[in-house]
Amino acid sequence: MPYNYLGDLYKSEIVSRLQELGYDVKSVHALNLILEEMGIQEHSGNHWLVTQEGVKYTIYRDRVFDADAWHPEIIDAIRDYLG
């Protein structure tokens, strides 16, 4: 279920949608690694920090740890990255 009326998604929902599109993303951890490769987030201690580049895909206005809601456009960005 989307995070809010704007359709923002939790990471598990992003994984499910990518799987429906035929991408082999097996878990949220695998998604985190893809987002790290894309420069959208970075690993910091035991958390994931959204980079300045990644902020545009979140509901937040600045960098945050462990963002819990992502705009649906991130799926298109991931699809473009994965080819």
PDB file of N, CA and C in Angstrom:
ATOM      1  N   MET A   1       0.845  -1.177   0.000  1.00  0.00           N
ATOM      2  CA  MET A   1       0.000   0.000   0.000  1.00  0.00           C
ATOM      3  C   MET A   1       0.891   1.241   0.000  1.00  0.00           C
ATOM      4  N   PRO A   2       0.599   2.198  -0.835  1.00  0.00           N
ATOM      5  CA  PRO A   2       1.398   3.413  -0.891  1.00  0.00           C
ATOM      6  C   PRO A   2       1.459   4.139   0.453  1.00  0.00           C
ATOM      7  N   TYR A   3       2.541   4.861   0.631  1.00  0.00           N
ATOM      8  CA  TYR A   3       2.800   5.600   1.869  1.00  0.00           C
ATOM      9  C   TYR A   3       1.752   6.678   2.104  1.00  0.00           C
ATOM     10  N   ASN A   4       1.341   7.352   1.064  1.00  0.00           N
ATOM     11  CA  ASN A   4       0.359   8.436   1.210  1.00  0.00           C
ATOM     12  C   ASN A   4      -0.433   8.596  -0.083  1.00  0.00           C
ATOM     13  N   TYR A   5      -1.302   9.576  -0.117  1.00  0.00           N
ATOM     14  CA  TYR A   5      -2.177   9.758  -1.278  1.00  0.00           C
ATOM     15  C   TYR A   5      -1.424  10.137  -2.547  1.00  0.00           C
ATOM     16  N   LEU A   6      -0.177  10.561  -2.413  1.00  0.00           N
ATOM     17  CA  LEU A   6       0.626  10.897  -3.589  1.00  0.00           C
ATOM     18  C   LEU A   6       1.220   9.653  -4.246  1.00  0.00           C
ATOM     19  N   GLY A   7       1.077   8.507  -3.594  1.00  0.00           N
ATOM     20  CA  GLY A   7       1.578   7.267  -4.163  1.00  0.00           C
ATOM     21  C   GLY A   7       3.005   6.936  -3.805  1.00  0.00           C
ATOM     22  N   ASP A   8       3.566   7.620  -2.814  1.00  0.00           N
ATOM     23  CA  ASP A   8       4.930   7.321  -2.406  1.00  0.00           C
ATOM     24  C   ASP A   8       5.016   5.884  -1.905  1.00  0.00           C
ATOM     25  N   LEU A   9       6.179   5.271  -2.099  1.00  0.00           N
ATOM     26  CA  LEU A   9       6.337   3.841  -1.869  1.00  0.00           C
ATOM     27  C   LEU A   9       7.366   3.532  -0.795  1.00  0.00           C
ATOM     28  N   TYR A  10       7.121   2.445  -0.068  1.00  0.00           N
ATOM     29  CA  TYR A  10       8.141   1.866   0.805  1.00  0.00           C
ATOM     30  C   TYR A  10       9.090   1.059  -0.074  1.00  0.00           C
ATOM     31  N   LYS A  11      10.278   0.773   0.446  1.00  0.00           N
ATOM     32  CA  LYS A  11      11.262   0.038  -0.356  1.00  0.00           C
ATOM     33  C   LYS A  11      10.760  -1.354  -0.727  1.00  0.00           C
ATOM     34  N   SER A  12      10.030  -2.009   0.156  1.00  0.00           N
ATOM     35  CA  SER A  12       9.515  -3.340  -0.173  1.00  0.00           C
ATOM     36  C   SER A  12       8.559  -3.273  -1.357  1.00  0.00           C
ATOM     37  N   GLU A  13       7.807  -2.190  -1.469  1.00  0.00           N
ATOM     38  CA  GLU A  13       6.912  -2.014  -2.614  1.00  0.00           C
ATOM     39  C   GLU A  13       7.702  -1.765  -3.897  1.00  0.00           C
ATOM     40  N   ILE A  14       8.798  -1.047  -3.777  1.00  0.00           N
ATOM     41  CA  ILE A  14       9.658  -0.820  -4.944  1.00  0.00           C
ATOM     42  C   ILE A  14      10.217  -2.150  -5.432  1.00  0.00           C
ATOM     43  N   VAL A  15      10.673  -2.995  -4.496  1.00  0.00           N
ATOM     44  CA  VAL A  15      11.191  -4.314  -4.859  1.00  0.00           C
ATOM     45  C   VAL A  15      10.117  -5.118  -5.581  1.00  0.00           C
ATOM     46  N   SER A  16       8.904  -5.125  -5.050  1.00  0.00           N
ATOM     47  CA  SER A  16       7.805  -5.880  -5.673  1.00  0.00           C
ATOM     48  C   SER A  16       7.515  -5.382  -7.086  1.00  0.00           C
ATOM     49  N   ARG A  17       7.489  -4.089  -7.263  1.00  0.00           N
ATOM     50  CA  ARG A  17       7.207  -3.534  -8.598  1.00  0.00           C
ATOM     51  C   ARG A  17       8.323  -3.855  -9.587  1.00  0.00           C
ATOM     52  N   LEU A  18       9.569  -3.800  -9.115  1.00  0.00           N
ATOM     53  CA  LEU A  18      10.681  -4.161  -9.996  1.00  0.00           C
ATOM     54  C   LEU A  18      10.618  -5.638 -10.373  1.00  0.00           C
ATOM     55  N   GLN A  19      10.246  -6.487  -9.426  1.00  0.00           N
ATOM     56  CA  GLN A  19      10.098  -7.916  -9.724  1.00  0.00           C
ATOM     57  C   GLN A  19       8.988  -8.138 -10.744  1.00  0.00           C
ATOM     58  N   GLU A  20       7.882  -7.410 -10.613  1.00  0.00           N
ATOM     59  CA  GLU A  20       6.780  -7.518 -11.581  1.00  0.00           C
ATOM     60  C   GLU A  20       7.224  -7.107 -12.979  1.00  0.00           C
ATOM     61  N   LEU A  21       8.191  -6.197 -13.042  1.00  0.00           N
ATOM     62  CA  LEU A  21       8.716  -5.747 -14.334  1.00  0.00           C
ATOM     63  C   LEU A  21       9.799  -6.677 -14.883  1.00  0.00           C
ATOM     64  N   GLY A  22      10.126  -7.731 -14.111  1.00  0.00           N
ATOM     65  CA  GLY A  22      11.079  -8.727 -14.584  1.00  0.00           C
ATOM     66  C   GLY A  22      12.509  -8.540 -14.119  1.00  0.00           C
ATOM     67  N   TYR A  23      12.742  -7.627 -13.204  1.00  0.00           N
ATOM     68  CA  TYR A  23      14.102  -7.412 -12.693  1.00  0.00           C
ATOM     69  C   TYR A  23      14.368  -8.340 -11.522  1.00  0.00           C
ATOM     70  N   ASP A  24      15.599  -8.828 -11.444  1.00  0.00           N
ATOM     71  CA  ASP A  24      15.987  -9.783 -10.406  1.00  0.00           C
ATOM     72  C   ASP A  24      16.488  -9.043  -9.163  1.00  0.00           C
ATOM     73  N   VAL A  25      15.589  -8.353  -8.490  1.00  0.00           N
ATOM     74  CA  VAL A  25      15.899  -7.660  -7.240  1.00  0.00           C
ATOM     75  C   VAL A  25      15.216  -8.482  -6.152  1.00  0.00           C
ATOM     76  N   LYS A  26      16.013  -9.222  -5.388  1.00  0.00           N
ATOM     77  CA  LYS A  26      15.457 -10.223  -4.480  1.00  0.00           C
ATOM     78  C   LYS A  26      15.032  -9.688  -3.118  1.00  0.00           C
ATOM     79  N   SER A  27      15.560  -8.527  -2.720  1.00  0.00           N
ATOM     80  CA  SER A  27      15.280  -8.051  -1.365  1.00  0.00           C
ATOM     81  C   SER A  27      15.502  -6.543  -1.270  1.00  0.00           C
ATOM     82  N   VAL A  28      15.107  -5.999  -0.137  1.00  0.00           N
ATOM     83  CA  VAL A  28      15.350  -4.579   0.125  1.00  0.00           C
ATOM     84  C   VAL A  28      16.851  -4.328   0.212  1.00  0.00           C
ATOM     85  N   HIS A  29      17.595  -5.282   0.754  1.00  0.00           N
ATOM     86  CA  HIS A  29      19.051  -5.113   0.821  1.00  0.00           C
ATOM     87  C   HIS A  29      19.646  -4.995  -0.588  1.00  0.00           C
ATOM     88  N   ALA A  30      19.174  -5.838  -1.490  1.00  0.00           N
ATOM     89  CA  ALA A  30      19.649  -5.756  -2.878  1.00  0.00           C
ATOM     90  C   ALA A  30      19.287  -4.401  -3.480  1.00  0.00           C
ATOM     91  N   LEU A  31      18.094  -3.906  -3.171  1.00  0.00           N
ATOM     92  CA  LEU A  31      17.690  -2.577  -3.641  1.00  0.00           C
ATOM     93  C   LEU A  31      18.614  -1.506  -3.067  1.00  0.00           C
ATOM     94  N   ASN A  32      18.938  -1.609  -1.775  1.00  0.00           N
ATOM     95  CA  ASN A  32      19.848  -0.646  -1.156  1.00  0.00           C
ATOM     96  C   ASN A  32      21.190  -0.608  -1.877  1.00  0.00           C
ATOM     97  N   LEU A  33      21.696  -1.770  -2.257  1.00  0.00           N
ATOM     98  CA  LEU A  33      22.978  -1.816  -2.964  1.00  0.00           C
ATOM     99  C   LEU A  33      22.878  -1.173  -4.345  1.00  0.00           C
ATOM    100  N   ILE A  34      21.757  -1.381  -5.020  1.00  0.00           N
ATOM    101  CA  ILE A  34      21.547  -0.741  -6.325  1.00  0.00           C
ATOM    102  C   ILE A  34      21.492   0.773  -6.157  1.00  0.00           C
ATOM    103  N   LEU A  35      20.745   1.238  -5.158  1.00  0.00           N
ATOM    104  CA  LEU A  35      20.638   2.682  -4.912  1.00  0.00           C
ATOM    105  C   LEU A  35      22.000   3.273  -4.552  1.00  0.00           C
ATOM    106  N   GLU A  36      22.826   2.496  -3.857  1.00  0.00           N
ATOM    107  CA  GLU A  36      24.183   2.959  -3.538  1.00  0.00           C
ATOM    108  C   GLU A  36      25.016   3.091  -4.815  1.00  0.00           C
ATOM    109  N   GLU A  37      24.933   2.098  -5.700  1.00  0.00           N
ATOM    110  CA  GLU A  37      25.663   2.154  -6.968  1.00  0.00           C
ATOM    111  C   GLU A  37      25.232   3.356  -7.808  1.00  0.00           C
ATOM    112  N   MET A  38      23.945   3.688  -7.711  1.00  0.00           N
ATOM    113  CA  MET A  38      23.399   4.807  -8.482  1.00  0.00           C
ATOM    114  C   MET A  38      23.764   6.161  -7.876  1.00  0.00           C
ATOM    115  N   GLY A  39      24.268   6.173  -6.655  1.00  0.00           N
ATOM    116  CA  GLY A  39      24.608   7.422  -5.987  1.00  0.00           C
ATOM    117  C   GLY A  39      23.417   8.077  -5.308  1.00  0.00           C
ATOM    118  N   ILE A  40      22.349   7.322  -5.103  1.00  0.00           N
ATOM    119  CA  ILE A  40      21.142   7.856  -4.482  1.00  0.00           C
ATOM    120  C   ILE A  40      21.209   7.762  -2.961  1.00  0.00           C
ATOM    121  N   GLN A  41      21.933   6.787  -2.473  1.00  0.00           N
ATOM    122  CA  GLN A  41      22.149   6.680  -1.033  1.00  0.00           C
ATOM    123  C   GLN A  41      23.526   6.092  -0.787  1.00  0.00           C
ATOM    124  N   GLU A  42      23.998   6.252   0.457  1.00  0.00           N
ATOM    125  CA  GLU A  42      25.302   5.722   0.829  1.00  0.00           C
ATOM    126  C   GLU A  42      25.202   5.052   2.181  1.00  0.00           C
ATOM    127  N   HIS A  43      26.025   4.031   2.363  1.00  0.00           N
ATOM    128  CA  HIS A  43      26.021   3.292   3.617  1.00  0.00           C
ATOM    129  C   HIS A  43      26.789   4.085   4.657  1.00  0.00           C
ATOM    130  N   SER A  44      26.172   4.282   5.807  1.00  0.00           N
ATOM    131  CA  SER A  44      26.794   5.058   6.873  1.00  0.00           C
ATOM    132  C   SER A  44      26.528   4.351   8.203  1.00  0.00           C
ATOM    133  N   GLY A  45      27.540   3.665   8.706  1.00  0.00           N
ATOM    134  CA  GLY A  45      27.342   2.879   9.923  1.00  0.00           C
ATOM    135  C   GLY A  45      26.359   1.758   9.662  1.00  0.00           C
ATOM    136  N   ASN A  46      25.322   1.692  10.472  1.00  0.00           N
ATOM    137  CA  ASN A  46      24.284   0.676  10.294  1.00  0.00           C
ATOM    138  C   ASN A  46      23.071   1.206   9.540  1.00  0.00           C
ATOM    139  N   HIS A  47      23.220   2.331   8.885  1.00  0.00           N
ATOM    140  CA  HIS A  47      22.094   2.978   8.230  1.00  0.00           C
ATOM    141  C   HIS A  47      22.432   3.341   6.791  1.00  0.00           C
ATOM    142  N   TRP A  48      21.395   3.725   6.054  1.00  0.00           N
ATOM    143  CA  TRP A  48      21.554   4.224   4.702  1.00  0.00           C
ATOM    144  C   TRP A  48      21.202   5.700   4.692  1.00  0.00           C
ATOM    145  N   LEU A  49      22.115   6.515   4.226  1.00  0.00           N
ATOM    146  CA  LEU A  49      21.948   7.961   4.166  1.00  0.00           C
ATOM    147  C   LEU A  49      21.621   8.358   2.725  1.00  0.00           C
ATOM    148  N   VAL A  50      20.532   9.066   2.551  1.00  0.00           N
ATOM    149  CA  VAL A  50      20.163   9.545   1.220  1.00  0.00           C
ATOM    150  C   VAL A  50      21.146  10.645   0.826  1.00  0.00           C
ATOM    151  N   THR A  51      21.684  10.554  -0.377  1.00  0.00           N
ATOM    152  CA  THR A  51      22.601  11.579  -0.863  1.00  0.00           C
ATOM    153  C   THR A  51      21.803  12.786  -1.353  1.00  0.00           C
ATOM    154  N   GLN A  52      22.507  13.851  -1.631  1.00  0.00           N
ATOM    155  CA  GLN A  52      21.838  15.033  -2.148  1.00  0.00           C
ATOM    156  C   GLN A  52      21.151  14.721  -3.481  1.00  0.00           C
ATOM    157  N   GLU A  53      21.763  13.878  -4.285  1.00  0.00           N
ATOM    158  CA  GLU A  53      21.163  13.459  -5.556  1.00  0.00           C
ATOM    159  C   GLU A  53      19.880  12.650  -5.324  1.00  0.00           C
ATOM    160  N   GLY A  54      19.840  11.889  -4.249  1.00  0.00           N
ATOM    161  CA  GLY A  54      18.686  11.041  -3.972  1.00  0.00           C
ATOM    162  C   GLY A  54      17.516  11.749  -3.331  1.00  0.00           C
ATOM    163  N   VAL A  55      17.737  12.928  -2.772  1.00  0.00           N
ATOM    164  CA  VAL A  55      16.670  13.655  -2.073  1.00  0.00           C
ATOM    165  C   VAL A  55      15.468  13.886  -2.991  1.00  0.00           C
ATOM    166  N   LYS A  56      15.704  14.107  -4.266  1.00  0.00           N
ATOM    167  CA  LYS A  56      14.590  14.397  -5.179  1.00  0.00           C
ATOM    168  C   LYS A  56      13.628  13.222  -5.321  1.00  0.00           C
ATOM    169  N   TYR A  57      14.038  12.036  -4.905  1.00  0.00           N
ATOM    170  CA  TYR A  57      13.172  10.857  -4.983  1.00  0.00           C
ATOM    171  C   TYR A  57      12.468  10.546  -3.662  1.00  0.00           C
ATOM    172  N   THR A  58      12.704  11.358  -2.628  1.00  0.00           N
ATOM    173  CA  THR A  58      12.098  11.099  -1.319  1.00  0.00           C
ATOM    174  C   THR A  58      11.069  12.171  -0.984  1.00  0.00           C
ATOM    175  N   ILE A  59      10.382  11.961   0.127  1.00  0.00           N
ATOM    176  CA  ILE A  59       9.412  12.943   0.602  1.00  0.00           C
ATOM    177  C   ILE A  59      10.085  14.032   1.421  1.00  0.00           C
ATOM    178  N   TYR A  60      11.394  13.939   1.572  1.00  0.00           N
ATOM    179  CA  TYR A  60      12.127  14.859   2.431  1.00  0.00           C
ATOM    180  C   TYR A  60      12.768  15.986   1.629  1.00  0.00           C
ATOM    181  N   ARG A  61      13.133  17.056   2.317  1.00  0.00           N
ATOM    182  CA  ARG A  61      13.754  18.208   1.653  1.00  0.00           C
ATOM    183  C   ARG A  61      15.271  18.209   1.768  1.00  0.00           C
ATOM    184  N   ASP A  62      15.794  17.302   2.577  1.00  0.00           N
ATOM    185  CA  ASP A  62      17.234  17.242   2.779  1.00  0.00           C
ATOM    186  C   ASP A  62      17.618  15.791   3.032  1.00  0.00           C
ATOM    187  N   ARG A  63      18.897  15.564   3.163  1.00  0.00           N
ATOM    188  CA  ARG A  63      19.418  14.217   3.396  1.00  0.00           C
ATOM    189  C   ARG A  63      18.895  13.661   4.712  1.00  0.00           C
ATOM    190  N   VAL A  64      18.524  12.388   4.714  1.00  0.00           N
ATOM    191  CA  VAL A  64      18.039  11.715   5.915  1.00  0.00           C
ATOM    192  C   VAL A  64      18.596  10.299   5.953  1.00  0.00           C
ATOM    193  N   PHE A  65      18.606   9.726   7.144  1.00  0.00           N
ATOM    194  CA  PHE A  65      18.955   8.321   7.308  1.00  0.00           C
ATOM    195  C   PHE A  65      17.708   7.477   7.106  1.00  0.00           C
ATOM    196  N   ASP A  66      17.873   6.369   6.411  1.00  0.00           N
ATOM    197  CA  ASP A  66      16.824   5.363   6.274  1.00  0.00           C
ATOM    198  C   ASP A  66      15.488   5.945   5.827  1.00  0.00           C
ATOM    199  N   ALA A  67      15.486   6.621   4.714  1.00  0.00           N
ATOM    200  CA  ALA A  67      14.247   7.198   4.170  1.00  0.00           C
ATOM    201  C   ALA A  67      13.196   6.110   4.027  1.00  0.00           C
ATOM    202  N   ASP A  68      11.990   6.426   4.468  1.00  0.00           N
ATOM    203  CA  ASP A  68      10.940   5.412   4.460  1.00  0.00           C
ATOM    204  C   ASP A  68       9.911   5.602   3.365  1.00  0.00           C
ATOM    205  N   ALA A  69      10.003   6.644   2.589  1.00  0.00           N
ATOM    206  CA  ALA A  69       9.040   6.838   1.508  1.00  0.00           C
ATOM    207  C   ALA A  69       9.742   7.436   0.291  1.00  0.00           C
ATOM    208  N   TRP A  70       9.462   6.830  -0.855  1.00  0.00           N
ATOM    209  CA  TRP A  70      10.127   7.208  -2.103  1.00  0.00           C
ATOM    210  C   TRP A  70       9.086   7.490  -3.167  1.00  0.00           C
ATOM    211  N   HIS A  71       9.339   8.500  -3.977  1.00  0.00           N
ATOM    212  CA  HIS A  71       8.431   8.823  -5.072  1.00  0.00           C
ATOM    213  C   HIS A  71       8.458   7.693  -6.109  1.00  0.00           C
ATOM    214  N   PRO A  72       7.331   7.409  -6.733  1.00  0.00           N
ATOM    215  CA  PRO A  72       7.276   6.333  -7.736  1.00  0.00           C
ATOM    216  C   PRO A  72       8.258   6.514  -8.892  1.00  0.00           C
ATOM    217  N   GLU A  73       8.705   7.744  -9.148  1.00  0.00           N
ATOM    218  CA  GLU A  73       9.662   7.995 -10.236  1.00  0.00           C
ATOM    219  C   GLU A  73      10.976   7.251 -10.034  1.00  0.00           C
ATOM    220  N   ILE A  74      11.238   6.821  -8.800  1.00  0.00           N
ATOM    221  CA  ILE A  74      12.493   6.108  -8.556  1.00  0.00           C
ATOM    222  C   ILE A  74      12.520   4.790  -9.323  1.00  0.00           C
ATOM    223  N   ILE A  75      11.354   4.213  -9.552  1.00  0.00           N
ATOM    224  CA  ILE A  75      11.309   2.954 -10.309  1.00  0.00           C
ATOM    225  C   ILE A  75      11.827   3.184 -11.724  1.00  0.00           C
ATOM    226  N   ASP A  76      11.415   4.268 -12.352  1.00  0.00           N
ATOM    227  CA  ASP A  76      11.919   4.587 -13.694  1.00  0.00           C
ATOM    228  C   ASP A  76      13.419   4.825 -13.686  1.00  0.00           C
ATOM    229  N   ALA A  77      13.910   5.512 -12.659  1.00  0.00           N
ATOM    230  CA  ALA A  77      15.351   5.769 -12.561  1.00  0.00           C
ATOM    231  C   ALA A  77      16.123   4.461 -12.409  1.00  0.00           C
ATOM    232  N   ILE A  78      15.597   3.541 -11.607  1.00  0.00           N
ATOM    233  CA  ILE A  78      16.260   2.255 -11.415  1.00  0.00           C
ATOM    234  C   ILE A  78      16.216   1.455 -12.719  1.00  0.00           C
ATOM    235  N   ARG A  79      15.074   1.471 -13.403  1.00  0.00           N
ATOM    236  CA  ARG A  79      14.958   0.761 -14.688  1.00  0.00           C
ATOM    237  C   ARG A  79      15.957   1.306 -15.688  1.00  0.00           C
ATOM    238  N   ASP A  80      16.114   2.618 -15.757  1.00  0.00           N
ATOM    239  CA  ASP A  80      17.088   3.225 -16.660  1.00  0.00           C
ATOM    240  C   ASP A  80      18.506   2.784 -16.303  1.00  0.00           C
ATOM    241  N   TYR A  81      18.784   2.735 -15.002  1.00  0.00           N
ATOM    242  CA  TYR A  81      20.121   2.340 -14.547  1.00  0.00           C
ATOM    243  C   TYR A  81      20.411   0.875 -14.865  1.00  0.00           C
ATOM    244  N   LEU A  82      19.442   0.017 -14.615  1.00  0.00           N
ATOM    245  CA  LEU A  82      19.646  -1.417 -14.827  1.00  0.00           C
ATOM    246  C   LEU A  82      19.609  -1.790 -16.307  1.00  0.00           C
ATOM    247  N   GLY A  83      19.079  -0.899 -17.114  1.00  0.00           N
ATOM    248  CA  GLY A  83      19.044  -1.129 -18.556  1.00  0.00           C
ATOM    249  C   GLY A  83      17.936  -1.980 -18.955  1.00  0.00           C
TER     250      GLY A  83
END
